């Protein structure tokens, strides 16, 4: 892209990409900057939930997040002005993917493959918050998955697996990497999610159960029965809900067994 054209769309943005590169070594590619500048033009004339941050706001957020290991590869770029942010992964295996920074609950799993996808969906559904947007991840059906995407996603999963082998990884960083791994797991590899049903991290166990439920992965019914019977509280509740949603003959039978084993409050 020619310098004059780059300056043209950069000048529409509330933040300075050159400064982010100079001060924080964050290099945002031209395609991302272009789609953000297009979003900015639309934002000026419509009602959208998310506003692009100014340079100073990004600086403040980056300075705040630098002490949190699991956030270090993320650059917040938009906000709903309710202390929630849309972040761009700028480094590592998840580079260029888009996540949501919730001020109440930390789950940094990607929702979009790249910023252009987030912008496109936001412009299609003005006023929609993150949870109401049609996101790329998780893929919940084999009908929704393109082969080339699943190949790339599996490669990212393998790169995350390499990071998980690092001995110096802290618990929060490991948890967030596993969250991301499970979320972008190709549908054809759903069985890999089942390995995390026995995690001793309550939130990882719960995340695995929720993703299997969203995929309607009925092959995991027996494993979910074991979580409901012996798992941690969050996992138990999520597993019972998943079995109820499956509505197969096996899941109905397993639920009857659980009703005989567990206190009634689990089923009310």
C-alpha atoms as a PDB file:
ATOM      1  CA  UNK A   1       0.000   0.000   0.000  1.00  0.00           C
ATOM      2  CA  UNK A   2       1.391   3.400  -0.957  1.00  0.00           C
ATOM      3  CA  UNK A   3       2.372   5.807   1.838  1.00  0.00           C
ATOM      4  CA  UNK A   4      -0.205   8.427   0.812  1.00  0.00           C
ATOM      5  CA  UNK A   5      -3.025   5.895   0.844  1.00  0.00           C
ATOM      6  CA  UNK A   6      -1.882   4.514   4.208  1.00  0.00           C
ATOM      7  CA  UNK A   7      -1.811   8.013   5.683  1.00  0.00           C
ATOM      8  CA  UNK A   8      -5.296   8.660   4.316  1.00  0.00           C
ATOM      9  CA  UNK A   9      -6.951   5.817   6.180  1.00  0.00           C
ATOM     10  CA  UNK A  10      -4.717   6.139   9.249  1.00  0.00           C
ATOM     11  CA  UNK A  11      -5.803   9.764   9.609  1.00  0.00           C
ATOM     12  CA  UNK A  12      -9.410   8.627  10.023  1.00  0.00           C
ATOM     13  CA  UNK A  13      -8.513   6.564  13.079  1.00  0.00           C
ATOM     14  CA  UNK A  14      -8.576   7.918  16.640  1.00  0.00           C
ATOM     15  CA  UNK A  15      -5.245   6.197  17.373  1.00  0.00           C
ATOM     16  CA  UNK A  16      -1.782   6.387  15.851  1.00  0.00           C
ATOM     17  CA  UNK A  17      -0.585   2.970  14.561  1.00  0.00           C
ATOM     18  CA  UNK A  18       2.943   4.293  14.088  1.00  0.00           C
ATOM     19  CA  UNK A  19       3.181   5.269  17.738  1.00  0.00           C
ATOM     20  CA  UNK A  20       1.975   1.818  18.855  1.00  0.00           C
ATOM     21  CA  UNK A  21       4.683   0.239  16.724  1.00  0.00           C
ATOM     22  CA  UNK A  22       7.349   2.610  18.001  1.00  0.00           C
ATOM     23  CA  UNK A  23       6.481   2.463  21.707  1.00  0.00           C
ATOM     24  CA  UNK A  24       5.042  -1.037  22.122  1.00  0.00           C
ATOM     25  CA  UNK A  25       6.354  -2.919  19.059  1.00  0.00           C
ATOM     26  CA  UNK A  26       2.744  -3.560  18.027  1.00  0.00           C
ATOM     27  CA  UNK A  27       2.572  -3.786  14.241  1.00  0.00           C
ATOM     28  CA  UNK A  28      -1.037  -3.752  13.020  1.00  0.00           C
ATOM     29  CA  UNK A  29      -1.277  -4.775   9.374  1.00  0.00           C
ATOM     30  CA  UNK A  30      -2.748  -2.546   6.671  1.00  0.00           C
ATOM     31  CA  UNK A  31      -5.842  -4.684   6.106  1.00  0.00           C
ATOM     32  CA  UNK A  32      -6.801  -4.392   9.769  1.00  0.00           C
ATOM     33  CA  UNK A  33      -6.212  -0.641   9.766  1.00  0.00           C
ATOM     34  CA  UNK A  34      -8.260  -0.251   6.601  1.00  0.00           C
ATOM     35  CA  UNK A  35     -11.275  -2.118   7.955  1.00  0.00           C
ATOM     36  CA  UNK A  36     -11.075  -0.157  11.219  1.00  0.00           C
ATOM     37  CA  UNK A  37     -11.029   3.124   9.296  1.00  0.00           C
ATOM     38  CA  UNK A  38     -14.117   1.977   7.381  1.00  0.00           C
ATOM     39  CA  UNK A  39     -15.777   1.073  10.671  1.00  0.00           C
ATOM     40  CA  UNK A  40     -14.886   4.521  12.034  1.00  0.00           C
ATOM     41  CA  UNK A  41     -16.638   6.211   9.101  1.00  0.00           C
ATOM     42  CA  UNK A  42     -19.779   4.150   9.701  1.00  0.00           C
ATOM     43  CA  UNK A  43     -19.587   4.685  13.471  1.00  0.00           C
ATOM     44  CA  UNK A  44     -19.704   8.439  12.932  1.00  0.00           C
ATOM     45  CA  UNK A  45     -23.080   8.117  11.197  1.00  0.00           C
ATOM     46  CA  UNK A  46     -24.757   5.238  13.027  1.00  0.00           C
ATOM     47  CA  UNK A  47     -25.465   3.622  16.377  1.00  0.00           C
ATOM     48  CA  UNK A  48     -22.882   0.967  17.132  1.00  0.00           C
ATOM     49  CA  UNK A  49     -21.973  -0.575  20.459  1.00  0.00           C
ATOM     50  CA  UNK A  50     -18.214  -0.367  20.109  1.00  0.00           C
ATOM     51  CA  UNK A  51     -16.090   2.750  19.748  1.00  0.00           C
ATOM     52  CA  UNK A  52     -12.490   2.716  18.531  1.00  0.00           C
ATOM     53  CA  UNK A  53     -10.103   3.778  21.272  1.00  0.00           C
ATOM     54  CA  UNK A  54      -7.874   6.821  21.130  1.00  0.00           C
ATOM     55  CA  UNK A  55      -4.090   6.554  21.304  1.00  0.00           C
ATOM     56  CA  UNK A  56      -4.072   7.629  24.950  1.00  0.00           C
ATOM     57  CA  UNK A  57      -6.762   5.108  25.888  1.00  0.00           C
ATOM     58  CA  UNK A  58      -4.828   2.286  24.225  1.00  0.00           C
ATOM     59  CA  UNK A  59      -1.684   3.392  26.025  1.00  0.00           C
ATOM     60  CA  UNK A  60      -3.452   3.314  29.387  1.00  0.00           C
ATOM     61  CA  UNK A  61      -4.898  -0.132  28.729  1.00  0.00           C
ATOM     62  CA  UNK A  62      -1.586  -1.583  27.529  1.00  0.00           C
ATOM     63  CA  UNK A  63       0.205  -0.211  30.587  1.00  0.00           C
ATOM     64  CA  UNK A  64      -2.465  -1.760  32.802  1.00  0.00           C
ATOM     65  CA  UNK A  65      -2.442  -5.140  31.043  1.00  0.00           C
ATOM     66  CA  UNK A  66       1.317  -5.575  30.858  1.00  0.00           C
ATOM     67  CA  UNK A  67       1.370  -6.980  34.405  1.00  0.00           C
ATOM     68  CA  UNK A  68      -1.114  -9.697  33.418  1.00  0.00           C
ATOM     69  CA  UNK A  69       0.813 -12.426  31.581  1.00  0.00           C
ATOM     70  CA  UNK A  70      -2.156 -13.828  29.694  1.00  0.00           C
ATOM     71  CA  UNK A  71      -3.013 -10.370  28.261  1.00  0.00           C
ATOM     72  CA  UNK A  72       0.437  -9.430  26.980  1.00  0.00           C
ATOM     73  CA  UNK A  73      -0.222 -10.490  23.379  1.00  0.00           C
ATOM     74  CA  UNK A  74      -3.496  -8.531  23.181  1.00  0.00           C
ATOM     75  CA  UNK A  75      -3.988  -4.916  22.125  1.00  0.00           C
ATOM     76  CA  UNK A  76      -7.397  -3.449  23.074  1.00  0.00           C
ATOM     77  CA  UNK A  77      -8.741  -1.453  20.124  1.00  0.00           C
ATOM     78  CA  UNK A  78     -12.448  -0.857  20.802  1.00  0.00           C
ATOM     79  CA  UNK A  79     -14.684  -0.393  23.832  1.00  0.00           C
ATOM     80  CA  UNK A  80     -18.364  -0.323  24.717  1.00  0.00           C
ATOM     81  CA  UNK A  81     -17.576   2.373  27.314  1.00  0.00           C
ATOM     82  CA  UNK A  82     -18.763  -0.067  29.976  1.00  0.00           C
ATOM     83  CA  UNK A  83     -15.254  -1.301  30.835  1.00  0.00           C
ATOM     84  CA  UNK A  84     -15.378  -4.048  28.196  1.00  0.00           C
ATOM     85  CA  UNK A  85     -13.027  -4.155  25.214  1.00  0.00           C
ATOM     86  CA  UNK A  86     -12.469  -5.771  21.843  1.00  0.00           C
ATOM     87  CA  UNK A  87      -8.859  -6.930  21.627  1.00  0.00           C
ATOM     88  CA  UNK A  88      -6.560  -7.941  18.787  1.00  0.00           C
ATOM     89  CA  UNK A  89      -3.936 -10.632  19.295  1.00  0.00           C
ATOM     90  CA  UNK A  90      -0.712  -9.088  18.015  1.00  0.00           C
ATOM     91  CA  UNK A  91       1.741 -11.892  18.745  1.00  0.00           C
ATOM     92  CA  UNK A  92       1.992 -15.647  19.207  1.00  0.00           C
ATOM     93  CA  UNK A  93      -0.072 -18.453  17.633  1.00  0.00           C
ATOM     94  CA  UNK A  94      -3.313 -16.464  17.948  1.00  0.00           C
ATOM     95  CA  UNK A  95      -1.928 -13.408  16.106  1.00  0.00           C
ATOM     96  CA  UNK A  96      -4.591 -11.384  14.210  1.00  0.00           C
ATOM     97  CA  UNK A  97      -7.500 -13.105  15.960  1.00  0.00           C
ATOM     98  CA  UNK A  98     -10.055 -11.016  17.861  1.00  0.00           C
ATOM     99  CA  UNK A  99     -11.176 -11.579  21.447  1.00  0.00           C
ATOM    100  CA  UNK A 100     -13.398  -9.962  24.072  1.00  0.00           C
ATOM    101  CA  UNK A 101     -12.081  -8.492  27.316  1.00  0.00           C
ATOM    102  CA  UNK A 102     -14.915  -8.708  29.831  1.00  0.00           C
ATOM    103  CA  UNK A 103     -14.438  -6.715  33.032  1.00  0.00           C
ATOM    104  CA  UNK A 104     -16.358  -9.315  35.040  1.00  0.00           C
ATOM    105  CA  UNK A 105     -15.107 -12.632  33.658  1.00  0.00           C
ATOM    106  CA  UNK A 106     -11.788 -13.441  31.991  1.00  0.00           C
ATOM    107  CA  UNK A 107     -12.041 -15.613  28.896  1.00  0.00           C
ATOM    108  CA  UNK A 108      -9.651 -14.501  26.179  1.00  0.00           C
ATOM    109  CA  UNK A 109     -10.719 -17.111  23.639  1.00  0.00           C
ATOM    110  CA  UNK A 110     -10.870 -15.743  20.083  1.00  0.00           C
ATOM    111  CA  UNK A 111     -14.274 -15.024  18.624  1.00  0.00           C
ATOM    112  CA  UNK A 112     -13.179 -13.974  15.131  1.00  0.00           C
ATOM    113  CA  UNK A 113     -10.423 -15.106  12.807  1.00  0.00           C
ATOM    114  CA  UNK A 114      -9.418 -11.510  12.083  1.00  0.00           C
ATOM    115  CA  UNK A 115     -10.611  -7.939  12.571  1.00  0.00           C
ATOM    116  CA  UNK A 116     -12.268  -7.723   9.157  1.00  0.00           C
ATOM    117  CA  UNK A 117     -14.706 -10.438  10.234  1.00  0.00           C
ATOM    118  CA  UNK A 118     -15.563  -8.634  13.472  1.00  0.00           C
ATOM    119  CA  UNK A 119     -16.111  -5.348  11.626  1.00  0.00           C
ATOM    120  CA  UNK A 120     -18.249  -6.986   8.935  1.00  0.00           C
ATOM    121  CA  UNK A 121     -20.523  -8.661  11.482  1.00  0.00           C
ATOM    122  CA  UNK A 122     -20.764  -5.495  13.595  1.00  0.00           C
ATOM    123  CA  UNK A 123     -21.781  -3.401  10.598  1.00  0.00           C
ATOM    124  CA  UNK A 124     -24.358  -6.012   9.577  1.00  0.00           C
ATOM    125  CA  UNK A 125     -25.987  -5.944  13.012  1.00  0.00           C
ATOM    126  CA  UNK A 126     -25.809  -2.396  14.444  1.00  0.00           C
ATOM    127  CA  UNK A 127     -26.405  -2.327  18.179  1.00  0.00           C
ATOM    128  CA  UNK A 128     -25.391  -5.961  18.700  1.00  0.00           C
ATOM    129  CA  UNK A 129     -23.068  -6.704  21.596  1.00  0.00           C
ATOM    130  CA  UNK A 130     -20.357  -9.372  21.463  1.00  0.00           C
ATOM    131  CA  UNK A 131     -22.595 -12.217  22.634  1.00  0.00           C
ATOM    132  CA  UNK A 132     -25.199 -11.387  20.003  1.00  0.00           C
ATOM    133  CA  UNK A 133     -22.775 -11.324  17.073  1.00  0.00           C
ATOM    134  CA  UNK A 134     -22.475 -14.354  14.794  1.00  0.00           C
ATOM    135  CA  UNK A 135     -18.877 -15.295  15.592  1.00  0.00           C
ATOM    136  CA  UNK A 136     -16.362 -17.548  13.840  1.00  0.00           C
ATOM    137  CA  UNK A 137     -15.550 -19.421  17.063  1.00  0.00           C
ATOM    138  CA  UNK A 138     -16.524 -21.803  18.385  1.00  0.00           C
ATOM    139  CA  UNK A 139     -17.546 -23.798  15.329  1.00  0.00           C
ATOM    140  CA  UNK A 140     -20.632 -25.686  16.501  1.00  0.00           C
ATOM    141  CA  UNK A 141     -21.403 -27.770  13.415  1.00  0.00           C
ATOM    142  CA  UNK A 142     -19.436 -29.535  10.691  1.00  0.00           C
ATOM    143  CA  UNK A 143     -21.706 -27.730   8.211  1.00  0.00           C
ATOM    144  CA  UNK A 144     -20.276 -24.382   9.383  1.00  0.00           C
ATOM    145  CA  UNK A 145     -16.632 -25.371   8.985  1.00  0.00           C
ATOM    146  CA  UNK A 146     -14.558 -24.856   5.861  1.00  0.00           C
ATOM    147  CA  UNK A 147     -11.688 -27.267   5.282  1.00  0.00           C
ATOM    148  CA  UNK A 148      -9.060 -24.561   4.835  1.00  0.00           C
ATOM    149  CA  UNK A 149     -10.123 -22.947   8.106  1.00  0.00           C
ATOM    150  CA  UNK A 150      -9.994 -26.213  10.034  1.00  0.00           C
ATOM    151  CA  UNK A 151      -6.487 -26.926   8.717  1.00  0.00           C
ATOM    152  CA  UNK A 152      -5.259 -23.505   9.864  1.00  0.00           C
ATOM    153  CA  UNK A 153      -7.036 -23.781  13.215  1.00  0.00           C
ATOM    154  CA  UNK A 154      -5.540 -27.207  13.881  1.00  0.00           C
ATOM    155  CA  UNK A 155      -2.097 -25.766  13.185  1.00  0.00           C
ATOM    156  CA  UNK A 156      -2.758 -23.053  15.802  1.00  0.00           C
ATOM    157  CA  UNK A 157      -3.925 -25.717  18.268  1.00  0.00           C
ATOM    158  CA  UNK A 158      -0.626 -27.548  17.752  1.00  0.00           C
ATOM    159  CA  UNK A 159       1.327 -24.330  18.343  1.00  0.00           C
ATOM    160  CA  UNK A 160      -0.616 -23.738  21.563  1.00  0.00           C
ATOM    161  CA  UNK A 161       0.227 -27.293  22.648  1.00  0.00           C
ATOM    162  CA  UNK A 162       3.914 -26.417  22.300  1.00  0.00           C
ATOM    163  CA  UNK A 163       3.445 -23.358  24.516  1.00  0.00           C
ATOM    164  CA  UNK A 164       1.655 -25.463  27.123  1.00  0.00           C
ATOM    165  CA  UNK A 165       4.829 -27.539  27.522  1.00  0.00           C
ATOM    166  CA  UNK A 166       6.736 -24.559  28.902  1.00  0.00           C
ATOM    167  CA  UNK A 167       7.600 -25.099  32.560  1.00  0.00           C
ATOM    168  CA  UNK A 168       7.561 -21.394  33.437  1.00  0.00           C
ATOM    169  CA  UNK A 169       3.939 -20.947  32.312  1.00  0.00           C
ATOM    170  CA  UNK A 170       1.786 -19.606  35.152  1.00  0.00           C
ATOM    171  CA  UNK A 171      -1.668 -20.982  35.941  1.00  0.00           C
ATOM    172  CA  UNK A 172      -3.650 -18.065  34.504  1.00  0.00           C
ATOM    173  CA  UNK A 173      -1.698 -18.108  31.248  1.00  0.00           C
ATOM    174  CA  UNK A 174      -2.133 -21.874  30.948  1.00  0.00           C
ATOM    175  CA  UNK A 175      -5.852 -21.617  31.616  1.00  0.00           C
ATOM    176  CA  UNK A 176      -6.374 -18.958  28.959  1.00  0.00           C
ATOM    177  CA  UNK A 177      -4.306 -20.891  26.394  1.00  0.00           C
ATOM    178  CA  UNK A 178      -6.425 -23.976  27.017  1.00  0.00           C
ATOM    179  CA  UNK A 179      -9.623 -21.906  26.750  1.00  0.00           C
ATOM    180  CA  UNK A 180      -8.441 -20.674  23.342  1.00  0.00           C
ATOM    181  CA  UNK A 181      -7.332 -24.130  22.241  1.00  0.00           C
ATOM    182  CA  UNK A 182     -10.725 -25.649  23.051  1.00  0.00           C
ATOM    183  CA  UNK A 183     -12.635 -22.763  21.472  1.00  0.00           C
ATOM    184  CA  UNK A 184     -10.887 -22.892  18.096  1.00  0.00           C
ATOM    185  CA  UNK A 185     -10.709 -26.709  17.983  1.00  0.00           C
ATOM    186  CA  UNK A 186     -12.003 -27.885  14.564  1.00  0.00           C
ATOM    187  CA  UNK A 187     -15.319 -29.675  14.754  1.00  0.00           C
ATOM    188  CA  UNK A 188     -13.823 -32.895  13.393  1.00  0.00           C
ATOM    189  CA  UNK A 189     -11.422 -32.895  16.369  1.00  0.00           C
ATOM    190  CA  UNK A 190     -14.147 -32.563  19.019  1.00  0.00           C
ATOM    191  CA  UNK A 191     -12.971 -35.730  20.747  1.00  0.00           C
ATOM    192  CA  UNK A 192      -9.860 -33.805  21.828  1.00  0.00           C
ATOM    193  CA  UNK A 193     -12.079 -31.577  23.965  1.00  0.00           C
ATOM    194  CA  UNK A 194     -13.170 -34.610  25.985  1.00  0.00           C
ATOM    195  CA  UNK A 195      -9.625 -34.941  27.371  1.00  0.00           C
ATOM    196  CA  UNK A 196     -10.236 -31.806  29.427  1.00  0.00           C
ATOM    197  CA  UNK A 197     -13.362 -33.133  31.124  1.00  0.00           C
ATOM    198  CA  UNK A 198     -11.109 -34.568  33.826  1.00  0.00           C
ATOM    199  CA  UNK A 199      -9.165 -31.321  34.352  1.00  0.00           C
ATOM    200  CA  UNK A 200      -8.579 -30.358  37.972  1.00  0.00           C
ATOM    201  CA  UNK A 201      -9.287 -26.754  36.986  1.00  0.00           C
ATOM    202  CA  UNK A 202     -12.992 -26.217  37.573  1.00  0.00           C
ATOM    203  CA  UNK A 203     -13.269 -23.580  34.866  1.00  0.00           C
ATOM    204  CA  UNK A 204     -11.456 -25.647  32.217  1.00  0.00           C
ATOM    205  CA  UNK A 205     -13.720 -28.593  32.983  1.00  0.00           C
ATOM    206  CA  UNK A 206     -16.778 -26.363  32.692  1.00  0.00           C
ATOM    207  CA  UNK A 207     -15.492 -24.811  29.431  1.00  0.00           C
ATOM    208  CA  UNK A 208     -15.006 -28.256  27.885  1.00  0.00           C
ATOM    209  CA  UNK A 209     -18.523 -29.314  28.860  1.00  0.00           C
ATOM    210  CA  UNK A 210     -20.084 -26.133  27.468  1.00  0.00           C
ATOM    211  CA  UNK A 211     -18.299 -26.503  24.128  1.00  0.00           C
ATOM    212  CA  UNK A 212     -19.373 -30.132  23.785  1.00  0.00           C
ATOM    213  CA  UNK A 213     -22.948 -29.070  24.503  1.00  0.00           C
ATOM    214  CA  UNK A 214     -22.817 -26.267  21.934  1.00  0.00           C
ATOM    215  CA  UNK A 215     -21.529 -28.741  19.348  1.00  0.00           C
ATOM    216  CA  UNK A 216     -24.246 -31.224  20.349  1.00  0.00           C
ATOM    217  CA  UNK A 217     -21.473 -33.785  20.557  1.00  0.00           C
ATOM    218  CA  UNK A 218     -23.613 -36.676  21.747  1.00  0.00           C
ATOM    219  CA  UNK A 219     -20.701 -39.115  21.541  1.00  0.00           C
ATOM    220  CA  UNK A 220     -19.489 -37.556  24.804  1.00  0.00           C
ATOM    221  CA  UNK A 221     -22.652 -38.476  26.731  1.00  0.00           C
ATOM    222  CA  UNK A 222     -20.998 -41.158  28.872  1.00  0.00           C
ATOM    223  CA  UNK A 223     -18.062 -38.863  29.679  1.00  0.00           C
ATOM    224  CA  UNK A 224     -20.478 -36.087  30.645  1.00  0.00           C
ATOM    225  CA  UNK A 225     -22.302 -38.551  32.895  1.00  0.00           C
ATOM    226  CA  UNK A 226     -19.014 -39.094  34.762  1.00  0.00           C
ATOM    227  CA  UNK A 227     -18.529 -35.323  35.115  1.00  0.00           C
ATOM    228  CA  UNK A 228     -22.080 -34.939  36.440  1.00  0.00           C
ATOM    229  CA  UNK A 229     -21.464 -37.724  38.941  1.00  0.00           C
ATOM    230  CA  UNK A 230     -17.929 -36.951  40.091  1.00  0.00           C
ATOM    231  CA  UNK A 231     -16.926 -33.552  38.714  1.00  0.00           C
ATOM    232  CA  UNK A 232     -16.670 -30.144  40.330  1.00  0.00           C
ATOM    233  CA  UNK A 233     -19.784 -28.047  40.886  1.00  0.00           C
ATOM    234  CA  UNK A 234     -19.640 -25.916  37.714  1.00  0.00           C
ATOM    235  CA  UNK A 235     -18.818 -28.928  35.577  1.00  0.00           C
ATOM    236  CA  UNK A 236     -21.583 -30.988  37.163  1.00  0.00           C
ATOM    237  CA  UNK A 237     -24.243 -28.395  36.475  1.00  0.00           C
ATOM    238  CA  UNK A 238     -23.025 -27.838  32.905  1.00  0.00           C
ATOM    239  CA  UNK A 239     -22.896 -31.599  32.245  1.00  0.00           C
ATOM    240  CA  UNK A 240     -26.468 -32.164  33.428  1.00  0.00           C
ATOM    241  CA  UNK A 241     -27.630 -29.288  31.227  1.00  0.00           C
ATOM    242  CA  UNK A 242     -25.751 -30.772  28.254  1.00  0.00           C
ATOM    243  CA  UNK A 243     -27.311 -34.208  28.730  1.00  0.00           C
ATOM    244  CA  UNK A 244     -30.754 -32.630  28.901  1.00  0.00           C
ATOM    245  CA  UNK A 245     -30.090 -30.787  25.645  1.00  0.00           C
ATOM    246  CA  UNK A 246     -28.828 -33.889  23.792  1.00  0.00           C
ATOM    247  CA  UNK A 247     -32.265 -35.535  23.970  1.00  0.00           C
ATOM    248  CA  UNK A 248     -30.962 -38.927  22.825  1.00  0.00           C
ATOM    249  CA  UNK A 249     -32.097 -42.255  24.271  1.00  0.00           C
ATOM    250  CA  UNK A 250     -28.680 -42.666  25.875  1.00  0.00           C
ATOM    251  CA  UNK A 251     -28.679 -39.205  27.457  1.00  0.00           C
ATOM    252  CA  UNK A 252     -32.214 -39.739  28.803  1.00  0.00           C
ATOM    253  CA  UNK A 253     -31.150 -43.032  30.386  1.00  0.00           C
ATOM    254  CA  UNK A 254     -28.037 -41.454  31.897  1.00  0.00           C
ATOM    255  CA  UNK A 255     -30.089 -38.609  33.351  1.00  0.00           C
ATOM    256  CA  UNK A 256     -32.371 -41.105  35.082  1.00  0.00           C
ATOM    257  CA  UNK A 257     -29.328 -42.761  36.627  1.00  0.00           C
ATOM    258  CA  UNK A 258     -28.086 -39.389  37.829  1.00  0.00           C
ATOM    259  CA  UNK A 259     -31.438 -38.516  39.370  1.00  0.00           C
ATOM    260  CA  UNK A 260     -31.064 -41.606  41.554  1.00  0.00           C
ATOM    261  CA  UNK A 261     -27.516 -40.623  42.550  1.00  0.00           C
ATOM    262  CA  UNK A 262     -27.525 -36.852  43.034  1.00  0.00           C
ATOM    263  CA  UNK A 263     -29.548 -34.517  45.295  1.00  0.00           C
ATOM    264  CA  UNK A 264     -32.751 -33.114  43.780  1.00  0.00           C
ATOM    265  CA  UNK A 265     -31.483 -29.495  43.624  1.00  0.00           C
ATOM    266  CA  UNK A 266     -29.262 -30.518  40.687  1.00  0.00           C
ATOM    267  CA  UNK A 267     -32.376 -31.128  38.618  1.00  0.00           C
ATOM    268  CA  UNK A 268     -34.642 -28.272  39.646  1.00  0.00           C
END
